[in-house]
Amino acid sequence: MKLLRKLFIPILRLLLPNCRQVTQMLLLAQERPPTLRERVLVALHMPLCAACPRFRQQVQLMQKASQRWRSYSEDEGLG
């Protein structure tokens, strides 16, 4: 089992995007719908990484906050 893990994980790391690439894909997904390839690569990367799921949560939080701000601005006639 350990031998399989030692062989499998490095191969996965070569095929999957790194954190910088996933971050870019997550940010681009805010501007346009992600491609199937991007969705699959991000989904495969997330369980292997501690930082990227937190970053995705932060991006979602910022998106909700900006939507609320826009809504508030429109309601108050500020926008």
N, C-alpha and C. Protein backbone atom coordinates (compact mmCIF):
# COMPACT_ATOMS: atom_id res chain seq x y z
N MET A 1 0.81 -1.19 0.00
CA MET A 1 0.00 0.00 0.00
C MET A 1 0.87 1.26 0.00
N LYS A 2 1.90 1.29 0.84
CA LYS A 2 2.78 2.46 0.88
C LYS A 2 3.53 2.64 -0.43
N LEU A 3 3.92 1.52 -1.05
CA LEU A 3 4.61 1.60 -2.34
C LEU A 3 3.68 2.19 -3.40
N LEU A 4 2.43 1.74 -3.40
CA LEU A 4 1.45 2.26 -4.35
C LEU A 4 1.25 3.76 -4.12
N ARG A 5 1.17 4.17 -2.87
CA ARG A 5 1.01 5.59 -2.55
C ARG A 5 2.23 6.39 -3.00
N LYS A 6 3.42 5.84 -2.79
CA LYS A 6 4.64 6.54 -3.19
C LYS A 6 4.72 6.72 -4.70
N LEU A 7 4.15 5.79 -5.44
CA LEU A 7 4.16 5.89 -6.90
C LEU A 7 3.00 6.74 -7.42
N PHE A 8 1.85 6.58 -6.81
CA PHE A 8 0.63 7.20 -7.31
C PHE A 8 0.59 8.71 -7.07
N ILE A 9 0.95 9.15 -5.88
CA ILE A 9 0.87 10.58 -5.54
C ILE A 9 1.78 11.43 -6.43
N PRO A 10 3.03 11.06 -6.65
CA PRO A 10 3.85 11.90 -7.56
C PRO A 10 3.30 11.96 -8.98
N ILE A 11 2.74 10.88 -9.45
CA ILE A 11 2.15 10.88 -10.80
C ILE A 11 0.95 11.82 -10.84
N LEU A 12 0.12 11.76 -9.79
CA LEU A 12 -1.02 12.68 -9.72
C LEU A 12 -0.57 14.12 -9.71
N ARG A 13 0.47 14.40 -8.96
CA ARG A 13 0.96 15.78 -8.86
C ARG A 13 1.46 16.30 -10.22
N LEU A 14 1.97 15.41 -11.05
CA LEU A 14 2.41 15.81 -12.38
C LEU A 14 1.22 16.12 -13.29
N LEU A 15 0.14 15.38 -13.11
CA LEU A 15 -1.02 15.52 -13.99
C LEU A 15 -1.97 16.63 -13.55
N LEU A 16 -2.02 16.88 -12.25
CA LEU A 16 -2.96 17.86 -11.72
C LEU A 16 -2.34 19.25 -11.69
N PRO A 17 -3.18 20.27 -11.69
CA PRO A 17 -2.65 21.63 -11.59
C PRO A 17 -2.11 21.91 -10.20
N ASN A 18 -1.18 22.86 -10.12
CA ASN A 18 -0.67 23.26 -8.81
C ASN A 18 -1.61 24.32 -8.22
N CYS A 19 -1.30 24.76 -7.01
CA CYS A 19 -2.18 25.70 -6.31
C CYS A 19 -2.31 27.03 -7.06
N ARG A 20 -1.25 27.49 -7.63
CA ARG A 20 -1.32 28.75 -8.38
C ARG A 20 -2.29 28.63 -9.56
N GLN A 21 -2.24 27.50 -10.26
CA GLN A 21 -3.13 27.30 -11.39
C GLN A 21 -4.59 27.16 -10.93
N VAL A 22 -4.80 26.47 -9.83
CA VAL A 22 -6.16 26.32 -9.30
C VAL A 22 -6.71 27.67 -8.86
N THR A 23 -5.87 28.48 -8.23
CA THR A 23 -6.28 29.82 -7.82
C THR A 23 -6.72 30.63 -9.03
N GLN A 24 -5.96 30.54 -10.10
CA GLN A 24 -6.31 31.27 -11.32
C GLN A 24 -7.65 30.76 -11.88
N MET A 25 -7.85 29.45 -11.87
CA MET A 25 -9.12 28.89 -12.36
C MET A 25 -10.30 29.34 -11.51
N LEU A 26 -10.10 29.38 -10.19
CA LEU A 26 -11.18 29.82 -9.30
C LEU A 26 -11.53 31.28 -9.54
N LEU A 27 -10.54 32.11 -9.76
CA LEU A 27 -10.80 33.53 -10.02
C LEU A 27 -11.44 33.74 -11.38
N LEU A 28 -11.00 33.00 -12.38
CA LEU A 28 -11.62 33.11 -13.70
C LEU A 28 -13.06 32.64 -13.69
N ALA A 29 -13.37 31.69 -12.82
CA ALA A 29 -14.74 31.18 -12.73
C ALA A 29 -15.70 32.25 -12.22
N GLN A 30 -15.18 33.32 -11.64
CA GLN A 30 -16.03 34.43 -11.20
C GLN A 30 -16.44 35.29 -12.39
N GLU A 31 -15.67 35.24 -13.47
CA GLU A 31 -15.93 36.07 -14.63
C GLU A 31 -16.66 35.34 -15.75
N ARG A 32 -16.45 34.04 -15.81
CA ARG A 32 -17.07 33.25 -16.88
C ARG A 32 -17.28 31.83 -16.35
N PRO A 33 -18.20 31.08 -16.97
CA PRO A 33 -18.40 29.70 -16.52
C PRO A 33 -17.14 28.87 -16.77
N PRO A 34 -16.73 28.06 -15.80
CA PRO A 34 -15.53 27.24 -16.01
C PRO A 34 -15.81 26.14 -17.03
N THR A 35 -14.77 25.76 -17.74
CA THR A 35 -14.90 24.67 -18.70
C THR A 35 -15.00 23.35 -17.93
N LEU A 36 -15.40 22.31 -18.62
CA LEU A 36 -15.47 20.98 -18.00
C LEU A 36 -14.10 20.57 -17.49
N ARG A 37 -13.08 20.82 -18.29
CA ARG A 37 -11.71 20.47 -17.90
C ARG A 37 -11.31 21.19 -16.60
N GLU A 38 -11.62 22.47 -16.52
CA GLU A 38 -11.29 23.24 -15.32
C GLU A 38 -12.03 22.71 -14.10
N ARG A 39 -13.31 22.39 -14.27
CA ARG A 39 -14.09 21.86 -13.15
C ARG A 39 -13.51 20.54 -12.66
N VAL A 40 -13.12 19.68 -13.58
CA VAL A 40 -12.56 18.38 -13.21
C VAL A 40 -11.21 18.55 -12.51
N LEU A 41 -10.35 19.38 -13.07
CA LEU A 41 -9.03 19.58 -12.47
C LEU A 41 -9.13 20.18 -11.07
N VAL A 42 -10.01 21.14 -10.89
CA VAL A 42 -10.19 21.74 -9.57
C VAL A 42 -10.75 20.70 -8.60
N ALA A 43 -11.72 19.93 -9.04
CA ALA A 43 -12.33 18.91 -8.18
C ALA A 43 -11.31 17.85 -7.76
N LEU A 44 -10.39 17.51 -8.64
CA LEU A 44 -9.36 16.52 -8.30
C LEU A 44 -8.29 17.10 -7.39
N HIS A 45 -8.03 18.39 -7.52
CA HIS A 45 -7.00 19.03 -6.72
C HIS A 45 -7.44 19.27 -5.27
N MET A 46 -8.70 19.62 -5.09
CA MET A 46 -9.19 20.05 -3.78
C MET A 46 -8.97 19.06 -2.64
N PRO A 47 -9.22 17.77 -2.82
CA PRO A 47 -9.02 16.86 -1.68
C PRO A 47 -7.54 16.69 -1.29
N LEU A 48 -6.64 17.04 -2.19
CA LEU A 48 -5.21 16.86 -1.93
C LEU A 48 -4.56 18.10 -1.33
N CYS A 49 -5.32 19.17 -1.16
CA CYS A 49 -4.74 20.44 -0.76
C CYS A 49 -5.51 21.02 0.42
N ALA A 50 -4.79 21.65 1.33
CA ALA A 50 -5.44 22.29 2.47
C ALA A 50 -5.76 23.75 2.18
N ALA A 51 -4.94 24.41 1.39
CA ALA A 51 -5.08 25.85 1.17
C ALA A 51 -6.16 26.20 0.14
N CYS A 52 -6.25 25.47 -0.92
CA CYS A 52 -7.17 25.84 -2.01
C CYS A 52 -8.65 25.80 -1.61
N PRO A 53 -9.09 24.81 -0.83
CA PRO A 53 -10.50 24.88 -0.39
C PRO A 53 -10.78 26.12 0.46
N ARG A 54 -9.82 26.53 1.29
CA ARG A 54 -9.99 27.75 2.08
C ARG A 54 -10.05 28.97 1.16
N PHE A 55 -9.21 28.98 0.13
CA PHE A 55 -9.22 30.10 -0.81
C PHE A 55 -10.56 30.17 -1.52
N ARG A 56 -11.10 29.01 -1.93
CA ARG A 56 -12.40 28.99 -2.60
C ARG A 56 -13.48 29.57 -1.68
N GLN A 57 -13.45 29.21 -0.41
CA GLN A 57 -14.41 29.76 0.54
C GLN A 57 -14.27 31.27 0.66
N GLN A 58 -13.04 31.76 0.67
CA GLN A 58 -12.81 33.20 0.76
C GLN A 58 -13.33 33.92 -0.47
N VAL A 59 -13.13 33.34 -1.65
CA VAL A 59 -13.63 33.94 -2.89
C VAL A 59 -15.15 33.98 -2.86
N GLN A 60 -15.78 32.89 -2.41
CA GLN A 60 -17.23 32.86 -2.34
C GLN A 60 -17.75 33.90 -1.35
N LEU A 61 -17.06 34.06 -0.22
CA LEU A 61 -17.46 35.05 0.77
C LEU A 61 -17.35 36.46 0.18
N MET A 62 -16.26 36.74 -0.52
CA MET A 62 -16.10 38.06 -1.13
C MET A 62 -17.17 38.32 -2.19
N GLN A 63 -17.52 37.28 -2.95
CA GLN A 63 -18.55 37.43 -3.97
C GLN A 63 -19.90 37.76 -3.32
N LYS A 64 -20.24 37.06 -2.25
CA LYS A 64 -21.50 37.34 -1.55
C LYS A 64 -21.50 38.75 -0.97
N ALA A 65 -20.38 39.15 -0.39
CA ALA A 65 -20.29 40.48 0.20
C ALA A 65 -20.45 41.56 -0.86
N SER A 66 -19.82 41.37 -2.01
CA SER A 66 -19.94 42.39 -3.07
C SER A 66 -21.36 42.42 -3.63
N GLN A 67 -22.03 41.27 -3.72
CA GLN A 67 -23.42 41.26 -4.17
C GLN A 67 -24.32 42.00 -3.19
N ARG A 68 -24.08 41.79 -1.90
CA ARG A 68 -24.87 42.49 -0.88
C ARG A 68 -24.61 44.00 -0.95
N TRP A 69 -23.36 44.37 -1.15
CA TRP A 69 -23.03 45.79 -1.24
C TRP A 69 -23.72 46.43 -2.44
N ARG A 70 -23.68 45.72 -3.59
CA ARG A 70 -24.36 46.26 -4.78
C ARG A 70 -25.85 46.39 -4.52
N SER A 71 -26.43 45.39 -3.89
CA SER A 71 -27.85 45.42 -3.58
C SER A 71 -28.16 46.60 -2.64
N TYR A 72 -27.35 46.78 -1.64
CA TYR A 72 -27.51 47.89 -0.70
C TYR A 72 -27.38 49.23 -1.43
N SER A 73 -26.38 49.34 -2.28
CA SER A 73 -26.16 50.59 -3.02
C SER A 73 -27.33 50.92 -3.92
N GLU A 74 -27.89 49.91 -4.59
CA GLU A 74 -29.03 50.14 -5.48
C GLU A 74 -30.27 50.52 -4.69
N ASP A 75 -30.48 49.88 -3.54
CA ASP A 75 -31.66 50.18 -2.72
C ASP A 75 -31.61 51.59 -2.16
N GLU A 76 -30.42 52.04 -1.83
CA GLU A 76 -30.27 53.37 -1.22
C GLU A 76 -30.07 54.46 -2.26
N GLY A 77 -29.99 54.07 -3.53
CA GLY A 77 -29.77 55.07 -4.57
C GLY A 77 -28.34 55.57 -4.64
N LEU A 78 -27.40 54.75 -4.13
CA LEU A 78 -25.99 55.15 -4.14
C LEU A 78 -25.28 54.69 -5.39
N GLY A 79 -25.83 53.73 -6.11
CA GLY A 79 -25.12 53.14 -7.23
C GLY A 79 -25.47 53.66 -8.52
